[in-house]
Each structure stands twice: as C-alpha cells, then as structure tokens.
Amino acid sequence: MTWSFSRLETFEQCGMRYRFRYIDRIKEPPPAEDDPRARGDGLHKRLEAQVMGGPLEPTFERYHGLIRELQGAPGLSVEKQWAIDRDWNFVASWSDKRAWGLAKLDVYHQNAEPGWVNILDWKSGKAYPDKHRAQGDLYTCIAEAKER
C-alpha cells in the first residue's frame, strides 16, 4: 500500500473515509460547488494556468512577482507526481510497482544553480503551519532522493 501526505490527512480526519477511498476504492462524488475542496481545486487550476504562461489574474496579485519569475523558466513543471520506494529511493512514477510514498508538487522548478530547486504547494484553506511545514519537509526529502 502506498501513502502520501494527503492520504495521511484523510486518515487523521476520518478512518472510514480513508478506508472507503483508498482501501475499498469507492469513488467519492464530486464536491458541491460551495465545498471548500472545489474552491481549492479551482484556485489551483487558475494558479497553474498563470504559472504556465496564462494571463495574470488580479485575484492573485500578491503572487504576480513569483509567477512572473516562473513563467517560461527552464526546468518548470506543474502538478509533478513523484514517488519513492521503501528505502527512500526516487522512482519514476506513481504506477511503478516499487512506489511506496507519493507526492504531488503544485510547482517544481529545477533552478539553474546546481542543487537548488523551487517547490511550491498552494494553500487555499485554513493555515496549519505544522502540517504544511511537515509536507514541505517531505517534498524536500523526496527532492533530495531525486538528486542522489
């Protein structure tokens, strides 16, 4: 069985929801339009489009400087799916049989300076500094495994 930060959060919120979604593989109905998950998904898609060169939206003015820096940068990708095996070695894809830990990076930028990368994870809901920091730490560890 594989794990990810979002799977852990689902388990912490509701063990039965985790079981239905990841063990029994029961599909959840799409969230209602006023559901915070739908709002977050929409915001992520709009930010992704801007990072990939789309027009900047006034709603995200506080991020315009960052988005402009990333637009057109070499080594840029969005919604990057990474995986590690049980020994924390990087594996090519989520579908690889060795994949054990999964991560989905909102924005990944391989910086021109060797050994430096930019990893962004958009947050649109409540602030949970400890959880968000832990998720960032996990992504950093996987980035280090990728560079080995």
C-alpha atoms as a PDB file:
ATOM      1  CA  MET A   1       0.000   0.000   0.000  1.00  0.00           C
ATOM      2  CA  THR A   2       1.224   3.478  -0.830  1.00  0.00           C
ATOM      3  CA  TRP A   3       0.971   6.589   1.310  1.00  0.00           C
ATOM      4  CA  SER A   4       1.083  10.330   0.765  1.00  0.00           C
ATOM      5  CA  PHE A   5       0.641  13.416   2.883  1.00  0.00           C
ATOM      6  CA  SER A   6      -2.949  13.853   1.725  1.00  0.00           C
ATOM      7  CA  ARG A   7      -3.722  10.199   2.472  1.00  0.00           C
ATOM      8  CA  LEU A   8      -2.369  10.675   5.982  1.00  0.00           C
ATOM      9  CA  GLU A   9      -4.557  13.760   6.429  1.00  0.00           C
ATOM     10  CA  THR A  10      -7.609  11.829   5.216  1.00  0.00           C
ATOM     11  CA  PHE A  11      -6.874   9.069   7.725  1.00  0.00           C
ATOM     12  CA  GLU A  12      -6.453  11.593  10.553  1.00  0.00           C
ATOM     13  CA  GLN A  13      -9.767  13.270   9.666  1.00  0.00           C
ATOM     14  CA  CYS A  14     -11.811  10.088   9.282  1.00  0.00           C
ATOM     15  CA  GLY A  15     -10.621   6.479   9.266  1.00  0.00           C
ATOM     16  CA  MET A  16     -13.731   5.255   7.454  1.00  0.00           C
ATOM     17  CA  ARG A  17     -13.333   7.839   4.694  1.00  0.00           C
ATOM     18  CA  TYR A  18      -9.742   6.658   4.261  1.00  0.00           C
ATOM     19  CA  ARG A  19     -10.886   3.057   4.083  1.00  0.00           C
ATOM     20  CA  PHE A  20     -13.635   3.772   1.560  1.00  0.00           C
ATOM     21  CA  ARG A  21     -11.370   5.891  -0.658  1.00  0.00           C
ATOM     22  CA  TYR A  22      -8.013   4.090  -0.557  1.00  0.00           C
ATOM     23  CA  ILE A  23      -8.677   0.505   0.509  1.00  0.00           C
ATOM     24  CA  ASP A  24     -12.159  -0.213  -0.877  1.00  0.00           C
ATOM     25  CA  ARG A  25     -11.544   2.290  -3.745  1.00  0.00           C
ATOM     26  CA  ILE A  26     -15.062   3.692  -3.630  1.00  0.00           C
ATOM     27  CA  LYS A  27     -15.233   6.860  -5.706  1.00  0.00           C
ATOM     28  CA  GLU A  28     -16.434   9.959  -3.922  1.00  0.00           C
ATOM     29  CA  PRO A  29     -18.989  12.108  -5.686  1.00  0.00           C
ATOM     30  CA  PRO A  30     -17.534  15.387  -6.939  1.00  0.00           C
ATOM     31  CA  PRO A  31     -17.694  18.103  -4.299  1.00  0.00           C
ATOM     32  CA  ALA A  32     -20.532  20.607  -4.459  1.00  0.00           C
ATOM     33  CA  GLU A  33     -19.677  23.975  -5.926  1.00  0.00           C
ATOM     34  CA  ASP A  34     -19.685  25.607  -2.462  1.00  0.00           C
ATOM     35  CA  ASP A  35     -17.466  22.870  -0.953  1.00  0.00           C
ATOM     36  CA  PRO A  36     -14.026  24.178   0.126  1.00  0.00           C
ATOM     37  CA  ARG A  37     -12.348  21.355  -1.858  1.00  0.00           C
ATOM     38  CA  ALA A  38     -13.989  22.555  -5.072  1.00  0.00           C
ATOM     39  CA  ARG A  39     -12.855  26.107  -4.316  1.00  0.00           C
ATOM     40  CA  GLY A  40      -9.301  24.887  -3.670  1.00  0.00           C
ATOM     41  CA  ASP A  41      -9.232  22.802  -6.857  1.00  0.00           C
ATOM     42  CA  GLY A  42     -10.407  25.792  -8.868  1.00  0.00           C
ATOM     43  CA  LEU A  43      -7.795  28.093  -7.340  1.00  0.00           C
ATOM     44  CA  HIS A  44      -5.054  25.540  -8.005  1.00  0.00           C
ATOM     45  CA  LYS A  45      -6.060  25.245 -11.671  1.00  0.00           C
ATOM     46  CA  ARG A  46      -6.134  29.012 -12.105  1.00  0.00           C
ATOM     47  CA  LEU A  47      -2.709  29.440 -10.473  1.00  0.00           C
ATOM     48  CA  GLU A  48      -1.301  26.569 -12.575  1.00  0.00           C
ATOM     49  CA  ALA A  49      -2.551  28.242 -15.764  1.00  0.00           C
ATOM     50  CA  GLN A  50      -0.870  31.520 -14.775  1.00  0.00           C
ATOM     51  CA  VAL A  51       2.440  29.854 -13.904  1.00  0.00           C
ATOM     52  CA  MET A  52       2.384  28.122 -17.295  1.00  0.00           C
ATOM     53  CA  GLY A  53       2.072  31.466 -19.090  1.00  0.00           C
ATOM     54  CA  GLY A  54      -1.596  32.379 -18.873  1.00  0.00           C
ATOM     55  CA  PRO A  55      -2.728  35.929 -18.124  1.00  0.00           C
ATOM     56  CA  LEU A  56      -2.276  37.125 -14.561  1.00  0.00           C
ATOM     57  CA  GLU A  57      -5.487  37.467 -12.572  1.00  0.00           C
ATOM     58  CA  PRO A  58      -5.995  40.420 -10.203  1.00  0.00           C
ATOM     59  CA  THR A  59      -7.203  37.929  -7.560  1.00  0.00           C
ATOM     60  CA  PHE A  60      -3.640  36.636  -7.224  1.00  0.00           C
ATOM     61  CA  GLU A  61      -1.868  39.999  -7.301  1.00  0.00           C
ATOM     62  CA  ARG A  62       0.242  39.157  -4.250  1.00  0.00           C
ATOM     63  CA  TYR A  63       1.791  36.267  -6.243  1.00  0.00           C
ATOM     64  CA  HIS A  64       2.372  38.118  -9.523  1.00  0.00           C
ATOM     65  CA  GLY A  65       6.084  38.675  -8.873  1.00  0.00           C
ATOM     66  CA  LEU A  66       6.677  34.992  -8.170  1.00  0.00           C
ATOM     67  CA  ILE A  67       4.510  33.881 -11.096  1.00  0.00           C
ATOM     68  CA  ARG A  68       6.370  36.214 -13.489  1.00  0.00           C
ATOM     69  CA  GLU A  69       9.702  34.753 -12.329  1.00  0.00           C
ATOM     70  CA  LEU A  70       8.488  31.229 -13.018  1.00  0.00           C
ATOM     71  CA  GLN A  71       6.708  31.838 -16.337  1.00  0.00           C
ATOM     72  CA  GLY A  72       8.798  30.394 -19.150  1.00  0.00           C
ATOM     73  CA  ALA A  73      11.623  29.326 -16.835  1.00  0.00           C
ATOM     74  CA  PRO A  74      13.532  26.251 -17.991  1.00  0.00           C
ATOM     75  CA  GLY A  75      13.001  23.205 -15.780  1.00  0.00           C
ATOM     76  CA  LEU A  76       9.470  24.276 -14.781  1.00  0.00           C
ATOM     77  CA  SER A  77       6.643  21.783 -14.330  1.00  0.00           C
ATOM     78  CA  VAL A  78       3.291  21.786 -12.561  1.00  0.00           C
ATOM     79  CA  GLU A  79       1.345  19.003 -10.856  1.00  0.00           C
ATOM     80  CA  LYS A  80       4.508  16.896 -10.785  1.00  0.00           C
ATOM     81  CA  GLN A  81       3.925  13.371  -9.483  1.00  0.00           C
ATOM     82  CA  TRP A  82       6.871  11.939  -7.578  1.00  0.00           C
ATOM     83  CA  ALA A  83       7.324   8.649  -5.775  1.00  0.00           C
ATOM     84  CA  ILE A  84       9.859   6.954  -3.531  1.00  0.00           C
ATOM     85  CA  ASP A  85      10.364   3.318  -2.629  1.00  0.00           C
ATOM     86  CA  ARG A  86      10.543   1.903   0.912  1.00  0.00           C
ATOM     87  CA  ASP A  87      14.258   2.766   1.061  1.00  0.00           C
ATOM     88  CA  TRP A  88      13.537   6.392   0.090  1.00  0.00           C
ATOM     89  CA  ASN A  89      14.992   5.978  -3.390  1.00  0.00           C
ATOM     90  CA  PHE A  90      13.341   8.036  -6.106  1.00  0.00           C
ATOM     91  CA  VAL A  91      11.228   6.040  -8.581  1.00  0.00           C
ATOM     92  CA  ALA A  92       9.972   7.240 -11.951  1.00  0.00           C
ATOM     93  CA  SER A  93       6.212   7.227 -11.479  1.00  0.00           C
ATOM     94  CA  TRP A  94       3.279   6.552  -9.188  1.00  0.00           C
ATOM     95  CA  SER A  95       2.469   3.447 -11.215  1.00  0.00           C
ATOM     96  CA  ASP A  96       5.919   1.911 -10.628  1.00  0.00           C
ATOM     97  CA  LYS A  97       5.471  -1.260  -8.546  1.00  0.00           C
ATOM     98  CA  ARG A  98       8.196  -0.063  -6.159  1.00  0.00           C
ATOM     99  CA  ALA A  99       6.332   3.207  -5.419  1.00  0.00           C
ATOM    100  CA  TRP A 100       5.595   3.435  -1.716  1.00  0.00           C
ATOM    101  CA  GLY A 101       5.419   7.136  -0.881  1.00  0.00           C
ATOM    102  CA  LEU A 102       3.680   9.571  -3.221  1.00  0.00           C
ATOM    103  CA  ALA A 103       3.908  13.331  -3.579  1.00  0.00           C
ATOM    104  CA  LYS A 104       2.181  15.724  -5.954  1.00  0.00           C
ATOM    105  CA  LEU A 105       4.005  19.025  -6.260  1.00  0.00           C
ATOM    106  CA  ASP A 106       1.969  22.005  -7.393  1.00  0.00           C
ATOM    107  CA  VAL A 107       5.030  23.686  -8.924  1.00  0.00           C
ATOM    108  CA  TYR A 108       8.531  22.293  -9.397  1.00  0.00           C
ATOM    109  CA  HIS A 109      11.344  24.401 -10.802  1.00  0.00           C
ATOM    110  CA  GLN A 110      14.830  22.983 -11.329  1.00  0.00           C
ATOM    111  CA  ASN A 111      16.909  26.078 -10.652  1.00  0.00           C
ATOM    112  CA  ALA A 112      19.846  26.873 -12.941  1.00  0.00           C
ATOM    113  CA  GLU A 113      22.161  26.673  -9.936  1.00  0.00           C
ATOM    114  CA  PRO A 114      23.072  23.001  -9.344  1.00  0.00           C
ATOM    115  CA  GLY A 115      21.477  21.504  -6.242  1.00  0.00           C
ATOM    116  CA  TRP A 116      18.753  24.151  -5.945  1.00  0.00           C
ATOM    117  CA  VAL A 117      15.087  23.625  -6.696  1.00  0.00           C
ATOM    118  CA  ASN A 118      11.922  25.585  -6.004  1.00  0.00           C
ATOM    119  CA  ILE A 119       8.933  23.606  -4.783  1.00  0.00           C
ATOM    120  CA  LEU A 120       5.587  25.323  -4.291  1.00  0.00           C
ATOM    121  CA  ASP A 121       2.451  23.925  -2.741  1.00  0.00           C
ATOM    122  CA  TRP A 122      -0.510  26.288  -2.958  1.00  0.00           C
ATOM    123  CA  LYS A 123      -2.649  26.505   0.180  1.00  0.00           C
ATOM    124  CA  SER A 124      -6.146  27.890  -0.078  1.00  0.00           C
ATOM    125  CA  GLY A 125      -7.810  26.835   3.148  1.00  0.00           C
ATOM    126  CA  LYS A 126      -7.099  27.229   6.814  1.00  0.00           C
ATOM    127  CA  ALA A 127      -3.499  27.662   7.892  1.00  0.00           C
ATOM    128  CA  TYR A 128      -1.960  24.656   9.609  1.00  0.00           C
ATOM    129  CA  PRO A 129       1.696  25.730   9.922  1.00  0.00           C
ATOM    130  CA  ASP A 130       2.970  22.477  11.445  1.00  0.00           C
ATOM    131  CA  LYS A 131       1.250  20.246   8.883  1.00  0.00           C
ATOM    132  CA  HIS A 132       2.251  22.488   5.980  1.00  0.00           C
ATOM    133  CA  ARG A 133       5.847  22.564   7.202  1.00  0.00           C
ATOM    134  CA  ALA A 134       5.863  18.767   7.510  1.00  0.00           C
ATOM    135  CA  GLN A 135       4.528  18.454   3.970  1.00  0.00           C
ATOM    136  CA  GLY A 136       7.255  20.804   2.718  1.00  0.00           C
ATOM    137  CA  ASP A 137       9.865  18.779   4.598  1.00  0.00           C
ATOM    138  CA  LEU A 138       8.587  15.591   2.958  1.00  0.00           C
ATOM    139  CA  TYR A 139       8.795  17.153  -0.509  1.00  0.00           C
ATOM    140  CA  THR A 140      12.325  18.345   0.264  1.00  0.00           C
ATOM    141  CA  CYS A 141      13.368  14.819   1.277  1.00  0.00           C
ATOM    142  CA  ILE A 142      11.940  13.412  -1.942  1.00  0.00           C
ATOM    143  CA  ALA A 143      13.720  16.120  -3.966  1.00  0.00           C
ATOM    144  CA  GLU A 144      16.974  15.085  -2.272  1.00  0.00           C
ATOM    145  CA  ALA A 145      16.277  11.438  -3.136  1.00  0.00           C
ATOM    146  CA  LYS A 146      15.720  12.519  -6.744  1.00  0.00           C
ATOM    147  CA  GLU A 147      19.096  14.272  -6.841  1.00  0.00           C
ATOM    148  CA  ARG A 148      21.035  11.258  -5.472  1.00  0.00           C
END
